[in-house]
Amino acid sequence: MSVTYSATRTAIIIVAAGSGTRLGAAMPKALVDVDGRTVLRHALEGVFAAQPMQVVVVAPPGHEEAVADELAEAGGGHDLPATIVTGGETRQQSVAAGLAVLAEGIEIVLVHDAARALTPPAQIDAVAAAVTSDAGVIPALPVIDTLKRVDGDAVVEAVDRSALAAAQTPQGFPRAALVAAYTRALDDGIEYTDDAALFAAAGGAVRRLPGSERAFKITTPADLDRARMLLRTASVPAGSPSLSMPRIGVGTDVHAFGGEGDLWLAGLEWPGEQPLSGHSDGDAVAHAMVDALLGAAGLGDIGQHFGTAHPEYAGAHADVFLARTAELLAEAGFAIGNVSVQFQGNRPRFSARRLDAEAALSRALGGASVSVSATTTDGLGFSGRGEGIAVTAVALIVPRA
């Protein structure tokens, strides 16, 4: 697909051919929905908000039509070049396919991962402006985590992080030198982790400039959650009371008794008590708390973040669910005020372990106040008959200053 356009000396190749395996998606990553718009649409909107340039999108094989629709929606009203090519079996082959369709007169080439969907247009412009005839440019962030070199399970030594940087995209290069570097790499049959490594291996110089926290790569379900949170927060009008007012959420959960092993409830193991059935450990108290907290923050529900589509949480206990929920809220800009929970059931006998349960749940939430109460319902209903447990939780959260 081609569009008439004004002359430009810069092109950007958007690599969107990834399978999305680590994202757990049933479709290519670029076509996964974020907020009613796909990963690719967000990436394209950032590109079209930057300086005018030729746009080449490398599509997943068999999904060219869907990519064309995304390109048309994102680029509506822009008099810019736009071309779609089919990706290869490797990222390197996909970029090479994009290089093959660059227009005449292109001198600077940016290579961008569609998965870095929230990359600011200013970062794209900065990379394009920094490329010279003899050097490429990458955006990068300082490495803030403590790094260790390991051998299996053994920690060998610390790694000096001051000499390291986390590379992002787009990465920019002089066209002629990048094409020559790709020709050499393809002839040699060597696969590189990114374009800067390929360019440097061919003798090219690469410089770095500051990257952006928003240019993170959407690779895992947690990354997708982070993108959704950032977009949801950005959609709230400036000055809105919701940016400063406390927020309340309500969560409920019901589990029947069944299964094998001992009962897990309110973050504690109850030896000799029949367990509750469920995808994880069946801890209805913890699950209701998760729903209350996520609901207060507008972050969906427990099924979205911890359901059967996330097998890594099968059998997980309350501390895992609640710690991850606290992380989600913190990433969205919220602090937990308190959570109040009541469960209905005639077993287990709860009062003697109330303080232990509240302490365990509080620790899992990073110290937030938690109170838990129980009622037997005077033997009424399914919980009174000993068939299961019903729980209601109310959570208060506040935006971080």
Protein backbone atom coordinates (compact mmCIF):
# COMPACT_ATOMS: atom_id res chain seq x y z
CA MET A 1 0.00 0.00 0.00
CA SER A 2 1.43 3.40 -0.94
CA VAL A 3 0.28 6.97 -0.38
CA THR A 4 1.35 10.13 -2.21
CA TYR A 5 3.50 12.32 0.04
CA SER A 6 5.78 15.29 0.31
CA ALA A 7 9.49 14.62 0.02
CA THR A 8 11.23 13.52 3.23
CA ARG A 9 14.70 12.20 3.90
CA THR A 10 13.73 10.11 6.94
CA ALA A 11 11.94 6.76 7.09
CA ILE A 12 10.80 4.63 10.00
CA ILE A 13 10.42 0.85 9.83
CA ILE A 14 7.92 -0.37 12.41
CA VAL A 15 8.49 -4.04 13.19
CA ALA A 16 5.09 -5.54 14.03
CA ALA A 17 5.57 -9.17 13.02
CA GLY A 18 6.05 -10.65 16.50
CA SER A 19 3.93 -13.65 17.50
CA GLY A 20 3.03 -12.50 21.02
CA THR A 21 3.79 -15.89 22.57
CA ARG A 22 5.10 -14.45 25.83
CA LEU A 23 2.05 -12.19 26.01
CA GLY A 24 -0.15 -15.28 26.00
CA ALA A 25 -2.23 -13.84 23.16
CA ALA A 26 -4.13 -15.80 20.52
CA MET A 27 -3.02 -13.32 17.87
CA PRO A 28 0.11 -11.38 16.88
CA LYS A 29 1.20 -9.01 19.64
CA ALA A 30 0.77 -5.89 17.51
CA LEU A 31 -2.94 -6.63 17.05
CA VAL A 32 -3.70 -7.19 20.74
CA ASP A 33 -6.22 -4.73 22.17
CA VAL A 34 -4.98 -2.28 24.78
CA ASP A 35 -7.86 0.13 25.37
CA GLY A 36 -10.09 -0.29 22.34
CA ARG A 37 -7.04 0.40 20.19
CA THR A 38 -4.35 -2.12 19.33
CA VAL A 39 -0.70 -2.09 20.31
CA LEU A 40 0.10 -1.22 16.69
CA ARG A 41 -2.41 1.62 16.57
CA HIS A 42 -0.80 3.26 19.58
CA ALA A 43 2.67 2.86 18.04
CA LEU A 44 1.47 4.35 14.74
CA GLU A 45 -0.24 7.28 16.44
CA GLY A 46 3.05 8.13 18.13
CA VAL A 47 4.87 7.96 14.80
CA PHE A 48 2.34 10.12 12.99
CA ALA A 49 2.59 12.71 15.77
CA ALA A 50 6.34 13.00 15.14
CA GLN A 51 8.02 14.75 12.23
CA PRO A 52 6.94 13.72 8.71
CA MET A 53 8.70 10.60 7.49
CA GLN A 54 8.13 7.57 5.30
CA VAL A 55 6.40 4.83 7.29
CA VAL A 56 7.02 1.14 6.61
CA VAL A 57 5.10 -1.40 8.69
CA VAL A 58 6.35 -4.98 8.76
CA ALA A 59 3.21 -7.09 9.19
CA PRO A 60 2.79 -10.59 10.62
CA PRO A 61 2.34 -13.05 7.74
CA GLY A 62 -1.34 -13.48 6.99
CA HIS A 63 -2.37 -10.31 8.82
CA GLU A 64 -1.51 -7.72 6.18
CA GLU A 65 -5.13 -6.61 5.76
CA ALA A 66 -5.60 -6.04 9.49
CA VAL A 67 -2.38 -4.02 9.57
CA ALA A 68 -3.59 -1.97 6.58
CA ASP A 69 -6.77 -1.13 8.51
CA GLU A 70 -4.74 -0.02 11.54
CA LEU A 71 -2.49 2.09 9.34
CA ALA A 72 -5.45 3.75 7.64
CA GLU A 73 -7.09 4.58 10.97
CA ALA A 74 -3.94 5.93 12.59
CA GLY A 75 -2.73 7.85 9.54
CA GLY A 76 -6.02 9.39 8.50
CA GLY A 77 -5.48 12.94 7.28
CA HIS A 78 -1.70 12.58 6.92
CA ASP A 79 -0.15 13.10 3.50
CA LEU A 80 2.72 10.71 4.24
CA PRO A 81 4.26 7.65 2.60
CA ALA A 82 2.99 4.39 4.05
CA THR A 83 3.99 0.90 2.96
CA ILE A 84 3.21 -2.55 4.31
CA VAL A 85 5.55 -5.50 3.85
CA THR A 86 5.30 -9.04 5.17
CA GLY A 87 7.69 -10.03 7.94
CA GLY A 88 10.19 -12.87 7.79
CA GLU A 89 10.94 -15.73 10.12
CA THR A 90 13.30 -13.59 12.20
CA ARG A 91 13.36 -9.97 13.24
CA GLN A 92 16.45 -9.42 11.11
CA GLN A 93 14.66 -10.72 8.02
CA SER A 94 11.69 -8.50 8.81
CA VAL A 95 13.81 -5.36 9.02
CA ALA A 96 15.58 -6.33 5.79
CA ALA A 97 12.17 -6.54 4.11
CA GLY A 98 11.45 -3.01 5.29
CA LEU A 99 14.79 -1.71 4.06
CA ALA A 100 14.04 -3.10 0.59
CA VAL A 101 11.06 -0.78 0.06
CA LEU A 102 12.53 2.53 1.20
CA ALA A 103 11.84 5.41 -1.11
CA GLU A 104 14.54 7.17 -3.11
CA GLY A 105 16.08 10.07 -1.27
CA ILE A 106 15.83 8.47 2.17
CA GLU A 107 19.04 9.19 4.09
CA ILE A 108 18.07 8.35 7.69
CA VAL A 109 16.37 5.14 8.78
CA LEU A 110 14.71 4.57 12.15
CA VAL A 111 13.88 1.03 13.23
CA HIS A 112 11.10 0.86 15.81
CA ASP A 113 9.39 -1.98 17.69
CA ALA A 114 5.60 -1.74 17.55
CA ALA A 115 5.62 -3.32 21.02
CA ARG A 116 7.06 -0.06 22.38
CA ALA A 117 3.62 1.34 21.72
CA LEU A 118 3.67 4.34 24.08
CA THR A 119 6.98 5.78 22.91
CA PRO A 120 6.65 9.59 23.00
CA PRO A 121 6.81 11.37 19.59
CA ALA A 122 9.54 13.57 21.07
CA GLN A 123 11.78 10.52 21.46
CA ILE A 124 11.24 9.58 17.81
CA ASP A 125 12.13 13.12 16.73
CA ALA A 126 15.18 13.24 18.98
CA VAL A 127 16.61 10.03 17.52
CA ALA A 128 16.01 11.19 13.94
CA ALA A 129 17.70 14.52 14.63
CA ALA A 130 20.76 12.93 16.25
CA VAL A 131 21.70 10.53 13.42
CA THR A 132 24.76 11.61 11.45
CA SER A 133 26.35 10.34 8.27
CA ASP A 134 28.86 8.27 10.28
CA ALA A 135 27.02 7.24 13.45
CA GLY A 136 23.82 5.64 14.61
CA VAL A 137 21.81 6.60 17.69
CA ILE A 138 19.79 4.65 20.27
CA PRO A 139 17.65 5.88 23.16
CA ALA A 140 18.54 4.18 26.44
CA LEU A 141 17.74 4.29 30.14
CA PRO A 142 20.14 3.79 33.05
CA VAL A 143 19.99 0.35 34.65
CA ILE A 144 18.64 0.82 38.18
CA ASP A 145 18.42 -2.77 39.41
CA THR A 146 21.33 -4.46 41.14
CA LEU A 147 22.72 -6.94 38.62
CA LYS A 148 24.44 -10.26 39.29
CA ARG A 149 26.34 -12.63 37.04
CA VAL A 150 25.12 -16.17 37.75
CA ASP A 151 26.04 -19.75 36.95
CA GLY A 152 22.84 -21.77 37.29
CA ASP A 153 21.54 -21.08 40.79
CA ALA A 154 24.88 -19.77 42.03
CA VAL A 155 25.59 -16.02 42.16
CA VAL A 156 29.11 -15.49 40.78
CA GLU A 157 29.66 -11.77 41.14
CA ALA A 158 28.09 -8.33 40.99
CA VAL A 159 27.98 -6.47 37.68
CA ASP A 160 28.82 -2.77 37.55
CA ARG A 161 25.57 -1.26 36.35
CA SER A 162 27.12 2.20 35.82
CA ALA A 163 28.61 0.87 32.58
CA LEU A 164 25.28 -0.52 31.34
CA ALA A 165 22.17 0.96 29.72
CA ALA A 166 18.79 -0.49 28.72
CA ALA A 167 18.28 0.05 24.98
CA GLN A 168 14.97 1.19 23.53
CA THR A 169 13.65 2.11 20.09
CA PRO A 170 13.48 3.71 17.63
CA GLN A 171 17.13 3.21 16.79
CA GLY A 172 18.38 5.48 14.03
CA PHE A 173 21.10 5.03 11.39
CA PRO A 174 22.44 6.48 8.16
CA ARG A 175 20.70 4.51 5.43
CA ALA A 176 23.67 3.47 3.30
CA ALA A 177 25.68 2.17 6.26
CA LEU A 178 22.69 0.30 7.72
CA VAL A 179 21.88 -1.38 4.41
CA ALA A 180 25.52 -2.45 4.06
CA ALA A 181 25.54 -3.79 7.63
CA TYR A 182 22.37 -5.81 6.96
CA THR A 183 23.79 -7.23 3.77
CA ARG A 184 26.86 -8.38 5.66
CA ALA A 185 24.84 -9.89 8.53
CA LEU A 186 22.50 -11.77 6.21
CA ASP A 187 25.42 -13.07 4.14
CA ASP A 188 27.20 -14.22 7.32
CA GLY A 189 24.04 -15.79 8.73
CA ILE A 190 24.51 -14.07 12.10
CA GLU A 191 21.49 -13.00 14.15
CA TYR A 192 21.83 -9.92 16.38
CA THR A 193 19.69 -8.90 19.33
CA ASP A 194 19.02 -5.43 17.93
CA ASP A 195 19.95 -3.17 15.05
CA ALA A 196 22.56 -1.26 17.01
CA ALA A 197 24.47 -4.49 17.66
CA LEU A 198 24.29 -5.41 13.98
CA PHE A 199 25.42 -1.93 12.96
CA ALA A 200 28.32 -1.93 15.44
CA ALA A 201 29.44 -5.40 14.31
CA ALA A 202 29.91 -3.95 10.83
CA GLY A 203 32.16 -1.22 12.21
CA GLY A 204 29.55 1.50 12.70
CA ALA A 205 29.66 3.91 15.63
CA VAL A 206 26.61 4.12 17.88
CA ARG A 207 25.80 6.88 20.35
CA ARG A 208 23.03 7.05 22.93
CA LEU A 209 20.61 9.67 24.10
CA PRO A 210 18.17 9.59 27.05
CA GLY A 211 15.21 7.27 26.63
CA SER A 212 11.74 7.45 28.16
CA GLU A 213 10.03 5.33 30.82
CA ARG A 214 6.96 5.28 28.56
CA ALA A 215 8.92 3.54 25.80
CA PHE A 216 8.87 0.20 27.62
CA LYS A 217 8.28 -2.92 25.56
CA ILE A 218 4.94 -4.73 25.88
CA THR A 219 6.11 -8.34 26.18
CA THR A 220 4.25 -9.95 29.09
CA PRO A 221 0.72 -9.65 30.52
CA ALA A 222 2.13 -7.42 33.25
CA ASP A 223 3.50 -5.04 30.60
CA LEU A 224 0.07 -4.90 28.97
CA ASP A 225 -1.47 -4.09 32.36
CA ARG A 226 1.04 -1.27 32.80
CA ALA A 227 0.17 0.20 29.40
CA ARG A 228 -3.53 0.11 30.18
CA MET A 229 -2.97 1.85 33.51
CA LEU A 230 -0.92 4.63 31.94
CA LEU A 231 -3.52 5.21 29.26
CA ARG A 232 -6.37 5.17 31.76
CA THR A 233 -4.62 7.72 33.96
CA ALA A 234 -3.82 9.93 30.99
CA SER A 235 -7.49 9.97 29.95
CA VAL A 236 -8.60 11.60 33.23
CA PRO A 237 -9.04 15.39 32.68
CA ALA A 238 -6.64 17.66 34.53
CA GLY A 239 -8.23 19.01 37.70
CA SER A 240 -10.67 16.11 37.94
CA PRO A 241 -11.59 15.28 41.57
CA SER A 242 -10.76 11.63 40.83
CA LEU A 243 -7.11 12.61 40.66
CA SER A 244 -7.04 13.63 44.32
CA MET A 245 -10.06 12.10 46.07
CA PRO A 246 -9.98 8.79 47.95
CA ARG A 247 -11.61 5.91 46.08
CA ILE A 248 -13.63 2.97 47.42
CA GLY A 249 -14.03 -0.51 45.94
CA VAL A 250 -16.18 -3.50 46.85
CA GLY A 251 -15.26 -7.12 46.21
CA THR A 252 -17.11 -10.37 46.79
CA ASP A 253 -16.12 -13.99 46.42
CA VAL A 254 -17.73 -17.37 47.02
CA HIS A 255 -16.02 -20.77 47.09
CA ALA A 256 -17.42 -24.20 47.83
CA PHE A 257 -15.62 -26.64 50.06
CA GLY A 258 -13.91 -29.40 48.10
CA GLY A 259 -10.58 -30.69 46.87
CA GLU A 260 -7.61 -32.13 48.66
CA GLY A 261 -5.18 -30.87 51.27
CA ASP A 262 -5.81 -28.32 54.01
CA LEU A 263 -7.81 -25.12 53.97
CA TRP A 264 -6.16 -21.79 53.09
CA LEU A 265 -8.19 -18.78 54.23
CA ALA A 266 -7.30 -15.17 55.07
CA GLY A 267 -3.66 -15.85 54.23
CA LEU A 268 -3.33 -18.71 56.72
CA GLU A 269 -3.24 -22.48 56.45
CA TRP A 270 -5.84 -24.30 58.57
CA PRO A 271 -4.61 -27.88 59.16
CA GLY A 272 -7.37 -30.46 59.33
CA GLU A 273 -9.98 -28.17 57.74
CA GLN A 274 -11.48 -29.09 54.36
CA PRO A 275 -10.09 -26.81 51.61
CA LEU A 276 -12.04 -24.51 49.34
CA SER A 277 -12.02 -25.33 45.63
CA GLY A 278 -10.59 -22.85 43.14
CA HIS A 279 -8.03 -22.07 40.42
CA SER A 280 -5.47 -21.12 43.08
CA ASP A 281 -5.79 -22.06 46.74
CA GLY A 282 -9.44 -21.00 46.98
CA ASP A 283 -8.72 -18.28 49.57
CA ALA A 284 -12.00 -16.40 49.20
CA VAL A 285 -10.94 -13.71 51.69
CA ALA A 286 -7.85 -12.78 49.69
CA HIS A 287 -9.73 -12.96 46.41
CA ALA A 288 -12.45 -10.59 47.60
CA MET A 289 -9.76 -8.19 48.79
CA VAL A 290 -8.09 -8.27 45.37
CA ASP A 291 -11.38 -7.45 43.62
CA ALA A 292 -12.10 -4.60 46.03
CA LEU A 293 -8.67 -3.06 45.50
CA LEU A 294 -8.67 -3.46 41.71
CA GLY A 295 -12.21 -2.11 41.51
CA ALA A 296 -11.33 0.97 43.55
CA ALA A 297 -8.49 1.75 41.16
CA GLY A 298 -10.50 0.97 38.04
CA LEU A 299 -8.09 -1.79 37.06
CA GLY A 300 -10.53 -4.57 36.19
CA ASP A 301 -11.00 -7.65 38.32
CA ILE A 302 -9.24 -10.73 39.62
CA GLY A 303 -10.16 -12.81 36.57
CA GLN A 304 -8.42 -10.36 34.26
CA HIS A 305 -5.14 -10.41 36.18
CA PHE A 306 -5.08 -13.82 37.86
CA GLY A 307 -7.64 -16.04 36.08
CA THR A 308 -7.24 -19.30 34.21
CA ALA A 309 -5.48 -17.46 31.37
CA HIS A 310 -2.60 -16.98 33.85
CA PRO A 311 -1.49 -20.52 34.76
CA GLU A 312 1.44 -19.11 36.72
CA TYR A 313 -1.03 -18.34 39.54
CA ALA A 314 -2.46 -21.86 39.78
CA GLY A 315 -2.13 -22.91 43.42
CA ALA A 316 -0.82 -19.50 44.51
CA HIS A 317 -1.57 -18.26 48.02
CA ALA A 318 -2.84 -14.92 49.31
CA ASP A 319 0.60 -13.34 49.66
CA VAL A 320 1.25 -13.73 45.93
CA PHE A 321 -2.12 -12.30 44.85
CA LEU A 322 -2.09 -9.41 47.26
CA ALA A 323 1.55 -8.42 46.68
CA ARG A 324 0.97 -8.30 42.93
CA THR A 325 -2.25 -6.32 43.43
CA ALA A 326 -0.36 -3.80 45.57
CA GLU A 327 2.20 -3.48 42.76
CA LEU A 328 -0.54 -2.86 40.20
CA LEU A 329 -2.04 -0.12 42.33
CA ALA A 330 1.35 1.49 42.95
CA GLU A 331 2.10 1.49 39.22
CA ALA A 332 -1.27 3.18 38.64
CA GLY A 333 -0.44 5.87 41.21
CA PHE A 334 -2.46 4.68 44.23
CA ALA A 335 -1.67 3.91 47.85
CA ILE A 336 -3.79 1.52 49.92
CA GLY A 337 -5.57 3.09 52.88
CA ASN A 338 -7.31 0.12 54.47
CA VAL A 339 -9.28 -3.02 53.63
CA SER A 340 -12.18 -4.35 55.71
CA VAL A 341 -13.34 -7.92 55.12
CA GLN A 342 -16.16 -10.09 56.45
CA PHE A 343 -16.69 -13.75 55.61
CA GLN A 344 -19.76 -15.88 56.20
CA GLY A 345 -19.22 -19.48 57.24
CA ASN A 346 -19.61 -21.77 60.21
CA ARG A 347 -16.02 -23.01 59.85
CA PRO A 348 -13.20 -22.60 60.53
CA ARG A 349 -13.37 -21.16 64.04
CA PHE A 350 -11.80 -17.82 63.28
CA SER A 351 -11.58 -15.65 66.39
CA ALA A 352 -8.48 -17.29 67.87
CA ARG A 353 -6.44 -16.59 64.71
CA ARG A 354 -7.90 -13.22 63.74
CA LEU A 355 -4.81 -11.20 64.61
CA ASP A 356 -2.52 -13.63 62.79
CA ALA A 357 -4.70 -13.42 59.68
CA GLU A 358 -4.82 -9.63 59.73
CA ALA A 359 -1.05 -9.45 60.16
CA ALA A 360 -0.42 -11.85 57.27
CA LEU A 361 -2.76 -9.98 54.92
CA SER A 362 -1.30 -6.63 55.95
CA ARG A 363 2.26 -7.83 55.26
CA ALA A 364 1.23 -9.02 51.81
CA LEU A 365 -0.11 -5.53 51.05
CA GLY A 366 3.07 -3.83 52.19
CA GLY A 367 1.78 -2.83 55.62
CA ALA A 368 -1.69 -1.52 54.74
CA SER A 369 -4.32 -1.77 57.47
CA VAL A 370 -6.51 -4.88 57.17
CA SER A 371 -9.40 -5.95 59.40
CA VAL A 372 -11.23 -9.28 59.10
CA SER A 373 -14.43 -10.38 60.79
CA ALA A 374 -16.57 -13.51 60.51
CA THR A 375 -20.22 -14.47 61.00
CA THR A 376 -21.94 -17.83 61.04
CA THR A 377 -25.27 -16.46 59.66
CA ASP A 378 -27.05 -18.49 62.37
CA GLY A 379 -26.77 -21.57 60.20
CA LEU A 380 -28.77 -20.05 57.32
CA GLY A 381 -27.95 -20.42 53.64
CA PHE A 382 -25.26 -22.47 51.90
CA SER A 383 -22.53 -21.11 54.18
CA GLY A 384 -24.57 -21.94 57.25
CA ARG A 385 -25.00 -25.47 55.97
CA GLY A 386 -21.23 -25.82 55.63
CA GLU A 387 -21.23 -25.98 51.84
CA GLY A 388 -18.84 -23.06 51.31
CA ILE A 389 -17.79 -19.56 52.30
CA ALA A 390 -18.97 -16.15 51.08
CA VAL A 391 -16.86 -13.02 51.52
CA THR A 392 -17.37 -9.28 51.12
CA ALA A 393 -14.47 -6.80 51.16
CA VAL A 394 -14.38 -3.02 51.06
CA ALA A 395 -11.15 -1.17 50.18
CA LEU A 396 -10.13 2.47 50.46
CA ILE A 397 -7.29 3.75 48.28
CA VAL A 398 -5.85 7.21 47.77
CA PRO A 399 -3.90 8.76 44.88
CA ARG A 400 -0.23 9.18 45.67
CA ALA A 401 0.95 12.74 46.04
